[in-house]
Structures are given as C-alpha cells and as structure tokens.
C-alpha cells in the first residue's frame, strides 16, 4: 500500500479547534503514521493526523500557488 503522504510534496492541512478553522501549508519531509513532519515558513512542524483537530489534507499541484485556500475554492 502506498504511503498516505508523499515526501517532497506540498500539502495544506486543515484543522478546527474551538469552532475556529485554520490551515498550515508545507512540504512533507517524513511520514510515519499518524505523524507527518513538514517544513513551512522556515519551521519544521510535526502534525498528528489522528488528532481530533485534524480535518483533512489537500495535496497541491506543482503549478498551484500555495496561498491559503479552502478546499471549496
């Protein structure tokens, strides 16, 4: 089975917490389920995809601008 997240690819991760929605866009450095290590804005972050705050992740096309967008756009 293929990995859920492809290393080297950029994803936008969507979360909701306390009724607030937010997102983080970054390049996947490493995926070890359920954790995803990403680099974004010069920071390395680890996201727990089994967290109740995690909603979804959307892979960005190589030619797509990585500004914050919702999946419906």
C-alpha atoms as a PDB file:
ATOM      1  CA  UNK A   1       0.000   0.000   0.000  1.00  0.00           C
ATOM      2  CA  UNK A   2       1.287   3.484  -0.879  1.00  0.00           C
ATOM      3  CA  UNK A   3       2.051   5.998   1.857  1.00  0.00           C
ATOM      4  CA  UNK A   4      -0.761   8.383   2.725  1.00  0.00           C
ATOM      5  CA  UNK A   5       1.507  11.430   2.295  1.00  0.00           C
ATOM      6  CA  UNK A   6       4.183  11.702  -0.372  1.00  0.00           C
ATOM      7  CA  UNK A   7       7.541  13.015   0.841  1.00  0.00           C
ATOM      8  CA  UNK A   8       8.623  16.130  -1.061  1.00  0.00           C
ATOM      9  CA  UNK A   9       5.063  17.079  -1.970  1.00  0.00           C
ATOM     10  CA  UNK A  10       3.295  20.176  -0.621  1.00  0.00           C
ATOM     11  CA  UNK A  11       0.015  19.771   1.259  1.00  0.00           C
ATOM     12  CA  UNK A  12      -2.361  22.097   3.021  1.00  0.00           C
ATOM     13  CA  UNK A  13      -3.515  20.630   6.328  1.00  0.00           C
ATOM     14  CA  UNK A  14      -6.873  21.827   7.669  1.00  0.00           C
ATOM     15  CA  UNK A  15      -7.815  21.877  11.350  1.00  0.00           C
ATOM     16  CA  UNK A  16     -10.662  23.032  13.559  1.00  0.00           C
ATOM     17  CA  UNK A  17     -10.311  23.900  17.238  1.00  0.00           C
ATOM     18  CA  UNK A  18     -12.889  25.557  19.457  1.00  0.00           C
ATOM     19  CA  UNK A  19     -15.021  26.481  16.457  1.00  0.00           C
ATOM     20  CA  UNK A  20     -12.047  28.136  14.700  1.00  0.00           C
ATOM     21  CA  UNK A  21     -10.774  26.776  11.393  1.00  0.00           C
ATOM     22  CA  UNK A  22      -7.153  27.177  10.330  1.00  0.00           C
ATOM     23  CA  UNK A  23      -4.677  25.646   7.930  1.00  0.00           C
ATOM     24  CA  UNK A  24      -0.946  25.059   7.550  1.00  0.00           C
ATOM     25  CA  UNK A  25       0.738  24.568   4.183  1.00  0.00           C
ATOM     26  CA  UNK A  26       4.086  22.840   3.984  1.00  0.00           C
ATOM     27  CA  UNK A  27       6.287  20.302   2.253  1.00  0.00           C
ATOM     28  CA  UNK A  28       6.234  16.797   3.705  1.00  0.00           C
ATOM     29  CA  UNK A  29       9.667  15.788   4.977  1.00  0.00           C
ATOM     30  CA  UNK A  30       8.687  12.493   6.582  1.00  0.00           C
ATOM     31  CA  UNK A  31       5.552  10.449   7.161  1.00  0.00           C
ATOM     32  CA  UNK A  32       5.360   7.873   9.950  1.00  0.00           C
ATOM     33  CA  UNK A  33       1.677   7.235  10.623  1.00  0.00           C
ATOM     34  CA  UNK A  34      -0.019   9.008  12.269  1.00  0.00           C
ATOM     35  CA  UNK A  35       2.683  11.737  12.318  1.00  0.00           C
ATOM     36  CA  UNK A  36       3.655  13.970   9.401  1.00  0.00           C
ATOM     37  CA  UNK A  37       6.786  16.111   9.592  1.00  0.00           C
ATOM     38  CA  UNK A  38       6.526  19.207   7.379  1.00  0.00           C
ATOM     39  CA  UNK A  39       8.568  22.313   6.636  1.00  0.00           C
ATOM     40  CA  UNK A  40       6.703  25.590   6.370  1.00  0.00           C
ATOM     41  CA  UNK A  41       7.873  29.190   6.547  1.00  0.00           C
ATOM     42  CA  UNK A  42      11.309  28.090   7.759  1.00  0.00           C
ATOM     43  CA  UNK A  43       9.850  25.991  10.584  1.00  0.00           C
ATOM     44  CA  UNK A  44       9.725  22.226  10.928  1.00  0.00           C
ATOM     45  CA  UNK A  45       6.407  21.058  12.369  1.00  0.00           C
ATOM     46  CA  UNK A  46       5.002  17.669  13.303  1.00  0.00           C
ATOM     47  CA  UNK A  47       1.293  17.108  12.714  1.00  0.00           C
ATOM     48  CA  UNK A  48      -0.636  14.325  14.408  1.00  0.00           C
ATOM     49  CA  UNK A  49      -3.173  13.191  11.804  1.00  0.00           C
ATOM     50  CA  UNK A  50      -5.051  11.140  14.406  1.00  0.00           C
ATOM     51  CA  UNK A  51      -5.836  14.288  16.409  1.00  0.00           C
ATOM     52  CA  UNK A  52      -9.478  15.268  16.712  1.00  0.00           C
ATOM     53  CA  UNK A  53      -8.453  18.754  15.470  1.00  0.00           C
ATOM     54  CA  UNK A  54      -7.247  17.402  12.115  1.00  0.00           C
ATOM     55  CA  UNK A  55      -9.910  17.648   9.398  1.00  0.00           C
ATOM     56  CA  UNK A  56      -8.199  16.926   6.074  1.00  0.00           C
ATOM     57  CA  UNK A  57      -5.114  17.446   3.937  1.00  0.00           C
ATOM     58  CA  UNK A  58      -5.092  18.561   0.311  1.00  0.00           C
ATOM     59  CA  UNK A  59      -2.128  17.914  -1.970  1.00  0.00           C
ATOM     60  CA  UNK A  60      -1.133  20.923  -4.020  1.00  0.00           C
ATOM     61  CA  UNK A  61      -0.338  20.645  -7.705  1.00  0.00           C
ATOM     62  CA  UNK A  62       3.197  21.659  -8.602  1.00  0.00           C
ATOM     63  CA  UNK A  63       1.928  24.605 -10.660  1.00  0.00           C
ATOM     64  CA  UNK A  64      -0.528  25.820  -7.993  1.00  0.00           C
ATOM     65  CA  UNK A  65       0.103  28.830  -5.768  1.00  0.00           C
ATOM     66  CA  UNK A  66       0.320  27.746  -2.113  1.00  0.00           C
ATOM     67  CA  UNK A  67      -1.575  30.697  -0.630  1.00  0.00           C
ATOM     68  CA  UNK A  68      -4.141  29.737   2.000  1.00  0.00           C
ATOM     69  CA  UNK A  69      -7.224  28.419   0.214  1.00  0.00           C
ATOM     70  CA  UNK A  70     -10.113  26.329   1.379  1.00  0.00           C
ATOM     71  CA  UNK A  71     -10.807  23.030  -0.412  1.00  0.00           C
ATOM     72  CA  UNK A  72     -14.005  24.506  -1.887  1.00  0.00           C
ATOM     73  CA  UNK A  73     -12.107  27.199  -3.813  1.00  0.00           C
END
